[in-house]
Amino acid sequence: MKNFLILILTTMVATLLVLLFHKGQKQEEPFNEELESEMMSGMQAQTKSSDHLEFMGVAIDGNLSDFRARLIGKGFSLKKGFLLKDDSETLLWGRFANEDCIVQILTNDNTQEVYGVEVLFSQRYDSWNHLLNAYTSWKKIYTEKYGSPVKDRHTFSGYANYLNSDTSKMAAVDNGECHYDATFKPNKGTVMLAIVKSGFYEGRIAVLYKDRLNEQKAKSDVLDDI
C-alpha cells in the first residue's frame, strides 16, 4: 500500500512539472509573409536611397513629379509662369539652410529622371567685399561637411585681375570674368559652390548638387542620341 501511494505521488509531481514546463514556453508565432515582404521592401528602399546624393535629406533620384513633391513637403512651393515658361515645372521657391532661395531641379530630358539640384540664394550683393564674405562663409560650411574641395578657384580674368577696386571686381562678376568656385566630391556625387551674376553689377551665391549615378545615366542618354 505504501509503495502504491508513493507511485501515485510521483506520477502527480511529474505531470505537474510537465504542465508547468509547457506553460512557461513562448508559443511560436506563425510565419507572416506580408510582414516579411514589407520589411524587405523597406530595406531595399533604404539601400536604393543610400546609393544617391541627398539634398535636404531627399535622395536626388526618381522622376520629376515625385522628387518635386518631396521638396514641396519640405516647405517649397511651385510657382508657374515666372522666368522661363518651359522651366516652370522645375522651379521651386522656399528656404534652404535658413536662407530664401530658388531651386532648379535638373532632369534627364528623355526620361524626366532627376539627376541634380541647383540652389540660387535670393540675397543679392552689389559690394564685392560683402559678396566675398558670404561666399567664404558658405565655403567654410561646405568644407566642414564634405572636406576640402577638390577644385578651388579664386581668380579673375580681364582687367579685374590687375585692378583692386570694388567696382572693377563687381564689373568682373557682371562680365563673367569672376571665377570663384569650389567643387566638393562626396562619394555619391558632386557639390559645387560658386559666385554667379545676378543683375547689373550684382552677384549671388549658388550651389549645384549632382548625383553621380543619375548624372552618368543622363550623359549616357545624350551620347546615345548623338
Protein backbone atom coordinates (compact mmCIF):
# COMPACT_ATOMS: atom_id res chain seq x y z
CA MET A 1 0.00 0.00 0.00
CA LYS A 2 2.82 2.35 0.91
CA ASN A 3 4.57 1.69 -2.40
CA PHE A 4 1.32 2.33 -4.28
CA LEU A 5 0.89 5.74 -2.64
CA ILE A 6 4.48 6.67 -3.48
CA LEU A 7 3.89 5.71 -7.12
CA ILE A 8 0.74 7.87 -7.34
CA LEU A 9 2.50 10.84 -5.72
CA THR A 10 5.47 10.54 -8.07
CA THR A 11 3.17 10.42 -11.10
CA MET A 12 1.30 13.55 -9.96
CA VAL A 13 4.53 15.51 -9.43
CA ALA A 14 5.85 14.50 -12.86
CA THR A 15 2.56 15.55 -14.53
CA LEU A 16 2.62 18.91 -12.72
CA LEU A 17 6.22 19.57 -13.82
CA VAL A 18 5.35 18.82 -17.45
CA LEU A 19 2.36 21.21 -17.34
CA LEU A 20 4.46 23.99 -15.80
CA PHE A 21 7.20 23.49 -18.40
CA HIS A 22 4.79 23.84 -21.37
CA LYS A 23 3.07 26.86 -19.81
CA GLY A 24 6.40 28.68 -19.44
CA GLN A 25 7.35 28.13 -23.07
CA LYS A 26 6.55 31.02 -25.50
CA GLN A 27 4.31 29.84 -28.30
CA GLU A 28 5.96 30.35 -31.67
CA GLU A 29 4.05 32.81 -33.82
CA PRO A 30 3.03 31.69 -37.31
CA PHE A 31 5.16 32.94 -40.22
CA ASN A 32 3.88 36.25 -41.57
CA GLU A 33 4.74 36.57 -45.26
CA GLU A 34 3.14 40.01 -45.59
CA LEU A 35 5.23 41.42 -42.72
CA GLU A 36 8.43 39.97 -44.18
CA SER A 37 7.57 41.47 -47.58
CA GLU A 38 7.12 44.93 -46.05
CA MET A 39 10.42 44.63 -44.19
CA MET A 40 12.27 43.56 -47.33
CA SER A 41 10.72 46.43 -49.33
CA GLY A 42 11.79 48.92 -46.67
CA MET A 43 15.34 47.55 -46.65
CA GLN A 44 15.53 47.72 -50.44
CA ALA A 45 14.23 51.30 -50.48
CA GLN A 46 16.75 52.30 -47.82
CA THR A 47 19.57 50.70 -49.82
CA LYS A 48 18.42 52.42 -53.00
CA SER A 49 18.27 55.85 -51.32
CA SER A 50 21.68 55.36 -49.74
CA ASP A 51 23.21 55.00 -53.21
CA HIS A 52 22.37 58.62 -54.09
CA LEU A 53 23.47 62.09 -53.08
CA GLU A 54 20.91 63.87 -50.92
CA PHE A 55 19.54 67.40 -50.89
CA MET A 56 17.83 68.41 -47.63
CA GLY A 57 17.63 64.73 -46.71
CA VAL A 58 15.94 63.81 -50.00
CA ALA A 59 17.77 61.42 -52.34
CA ILE A 60 18.41 63.02 -55.74
CA ASP A 61 16.66 60.22 -57.57
CA GLY A 62 13.34 59.28 -59.14
CA ASN A 63 11.07 61.10 -61.55
CA LEU A 64 10.45 64.84 -61.55
CA SER A 65 6.94 64.80 -60.07
CA ASP A 66 7.85 62.54 -57.14
CA PHE A 67 11.05 64.41 -56.31
CA ARG A 68 9.29 67.78 -56.59
CA ALA A 69 6.52 66.54 -54.27
CA ARG A 70 9.12 65.57 -51.65
CA LEU A 71 10.64 69.06 -51.77
CA ILE A 72 7.19 70.64 -51.53
CA GLY A 73 6.77 68.50 -48.43
CA LYS A 74 9.90 70.24 -47.10
CA GLY A 75 8.20 73.63 -47.43
CA PHE A 76 8.98 74.64 -51.03
CA SER A 77 6.29 75.94 -53.36
CA LEU A 78 5.82 75.71 -57.11
CA LYS A 79 5.20 78.96 -58.97
CA LYS A 80 4.31 78.80 -62.63
CA GLY A 81 4.51 81.46 -65.28
CA PHE A 82 7.67 83.12 -63.94
CA LEU A 83 11.12 83.33 -65.52
CA LEU A 84 11.39 80.72 -68.29
CA LYS A 85 8.00 79.20 -69.12
CA ASP A 86 9.50 75.86 -70.17
CA ASP A 87 11.24 75.56 -66.79
CA SER A 88 8.22 76.41 -64.65
CA GLU A 89 7.68 72.76 -63.67
CA THR A 90 11.22 72.51 -62.31
CA LEU A 91 11.41 75.79 -60.36
CA LEU A 92 10.61 75.94 -56.66
CA TRP A 93 10.70 78.74 -54.12
CA GLY A 94 11.49 78.21 -50.45
CA ARG A 95 14.15 78.23 -47.77
CA PHE A 96 17.38 76.27 -47.65
CA ALA A 97 19.80 76.46 -44.71
CA ASN A 98 17.68 79.28 -43.26
CA GLU A 99 18.02 81.37 -46.44
CA ASP A 100 15.41 82.27 -49.06
CA CYS A 101 16.23 80.71 -52.40
CA ILE A 102 15.08 79.46 -55.78
CA VAL A 103 15.66 75.79 -56.56
CA GLN A 104 16.05 74.47 -60.11
CA ILE A 105 15.53 70.70 -60.48
CA LEU A 106 17.74 69.20 -63.18
CA THR A 107 16.30 66.27 -65.12
CA ASN A 108 17.15 63.88 -67.92
CA ASP A 109 15.35 65.29 -70.98
CA ASN A 110 14.45 61.82 -72.26
CA THR A 111 13.20 60.20 -69.06
CA GLN A 112 12.43 63.13 -66.72
CA GLU A 113 14.54 61.38 -64.10
CA VAL A 114 16.17 63.78 -61.63
CA TYR A 115 19.97 63.98 -61.53
CA GLY A 116 20.68 67.34 -59.89
CA VAL A 117 19.53 70.39 -57.95
CA GLU A 118 20.73 73.97 -58.32
CA VAL A 119 20.18 76.43 -55.48
CA LEU A 120 20.25 80.17 -56.13
CA PHE A 121 20.14 82.21 -52.94
CA SER A 122 17.84 85.23 -53.07
CA GLN A 123 20.26 87.61 -51.35
CA ARG A 124 21.93 89.94 -53.89
CA TYR A 125 25.17 91.78 -53.29
CA ASP A 126 26.37 94.95 -55.02
CA SER A 127 29.59 95.14 -52.98
CA TRP A 128 32.50 92.79 -53.67
CA ASN A 129 33.54 92.65 -50.01
CA HIS A 130 30.04 91.63 -48.91
CA LEU A 131 29.76 89.09 -51.74
CA LEU A 132 33.17 87.61 -50.94
CA ASN A 133 32.36 87.38 -47.21
CA ALA A 134 29.15 85.49 -47.98
CA TYR A 135 30.97 83.12 -50.34
CA THR A 136 33.75 82.49 -47.81
CA SER A 137 31.23 81.72 -45.06
CA TRP A 138 29.40 79.17 -47.23
CA LYS A 139 32.68 77.63 -48.31
CA LYS A 140 33.65 77.01 -44.68
CA ILE A 141 30.30 75.34 -44.04
CA TYR A 142 30.60 73.03 -47.06
CA THR A 143 34.22 72.23 -46.22
CA GLU A 144 33.14 71.21 -42.74
CA LYS A 145 30.61 68.78 -44.20
CA TYR A 146 32.40 67.42 -47.28
CA GLY A 147 36.08 68.06 -46.55
CA SER A 148 38.48 70.20 -48.56
CA PRO A 149 37.36 70.99 -52.12
CA VAL A 150 39.00 69.00 -54.92
CA LYS A 151 38.92 72.14 -57.07
CA ASP A 152 39.17 75.65 -55.66
CA ARG A 153 39.26 78.65 -57.97
CA HIS A 154 39.53 82.25 -56.81
CA THR A 155 40.74 84.30 -59.73
CA PHE A 156 39.66 86.97 -62.19
CA SER A 157 40.24 87.35 -65.89
CA GLY A 158 40.36 90.61 -67.80
CA TYR A 159 41.14 93.94 -66.20
CA ALA A 160 39.87 92.90 -62.78
CA ASN A 161 42.89 90.63 -62.50
CA TYR A 162 45.06 93.76 -62.33
CA LEU A 163 42.74 96.25 -60.62
CA ASN A 164 41.91 96.04 -56.94
CA SER A 165 38.85 98.25 -56.65
CA ASP A 166 35.44 97.05 -55.52
CA THR A 167 33.91 98.40 -58.72
CA SER A 168 36.30 96.55 -61.01
CA LYS A 169 35.63 93.25 -59.24
CA MET A 170 31.85 93.69 -59.45
CA ALA A 171 32.29 94.55 -63.11
CA ALA A 172 34.11 91.22 -63.49
CA VAL A 173 31.14 89.45 -61.88
CA ASP A 174 28.85 91.24 -64.33
CA ASN A 175 31.03 90.35 -67.32
CA GLY A 176 31.56 86.70 -66.43
CA GLU A 177 35.23 87.30 -65.57
CA CYS A 178 34.94 86.34 -61.90
CA HIS A 179 35.96 82.71 -61.31
CA TYR A 180 35.22 81.94 -57.68
CA ASP A 181 34.01 78.38 -57.18
CA ALA A 182 34.77 75.35 -55.04
CA THR A 183 33.99 71.77 -56.07
CA PHE A 184 33.46 69.07 -53.46
CA LYS A 185 33.40 65.35 -54.23
CA PRO A 186 31.41 63.29 -51.75
CA ASN A 187 31.22 59.59 -52.65
CA LYS A 188 27.75 59.84 -54.19
CA GLY A 189 28.16 62.88 -56.41
CA THR A 190 29.42 66.43 -56.80
CA VAL A 191 28.64 69.67 -54.96
CA MET A 192 29.82 72.99 -56.38
CA LEU A 193 29.64 76.36 -54.65
CA ALA A 194 30.06 79.48 -56.80
CA ILE A 195 29.66 83.24 -57.15
CA VAL A 196 27.33 83.99 -60.06
CA LYS A 197 25.98 87.08 -61.78
CA SER A 198 22.61 88.29 -60.53
CA GLY A 199 21.94 91.61 -62.23
CA PHE A 200 23.69 94.79 -63.26
CA TYR A 201 26.84 94.85 -61.09
CA GLU A 202 25.28 92.39 -58.66
CA GLY A 203 26.20 88.88 -57.60
CA ARG A 204 24.71 85.95 -55.70
CA ILE A 205 25.78 82.64 -54.20
CA ALA A 206 24.74 79.44 -55.98
CA VAL A 207 25.17 75.77 -55.11
CA LEU A 208 24.92 72.86 -57.53
CA TYR A 209 24.26 69.28 -56.42
CA LYS A 210 24.70 66.43 -58.93
CA ASP A 211 24.06 62.78 -58.16
CA ARG A 212 26.82 60.60 -59.62
CA LEU A 213 24.74 57.64 -60.80
CA ASN A 214 21.88 59.62 -62.33
CA GLU A 215 24.18 62.15 -63.97
CA GLN A 216 26.00 59.26 -65.64
CA LYS A 217 22.67 57.94 -66.93
CA ALA A 218 21.73 61.37 -68.30
CA LYS A 219 25.08 61.68 -70.08
CA SER A 220 24.74 58.16 -71.46
CA ASP A 221 21.34 59.00 -72.96
CA VAL A 222 22.80 62.10 -74.63
CA LEU A 223 25.63 60.05 -76.12
CA ASP A 224 23.11 57.51 -77.41
CA ASP A 225 21.19 60.32 -79.14
CA ILE A 226 24.23 61.62 -80.99
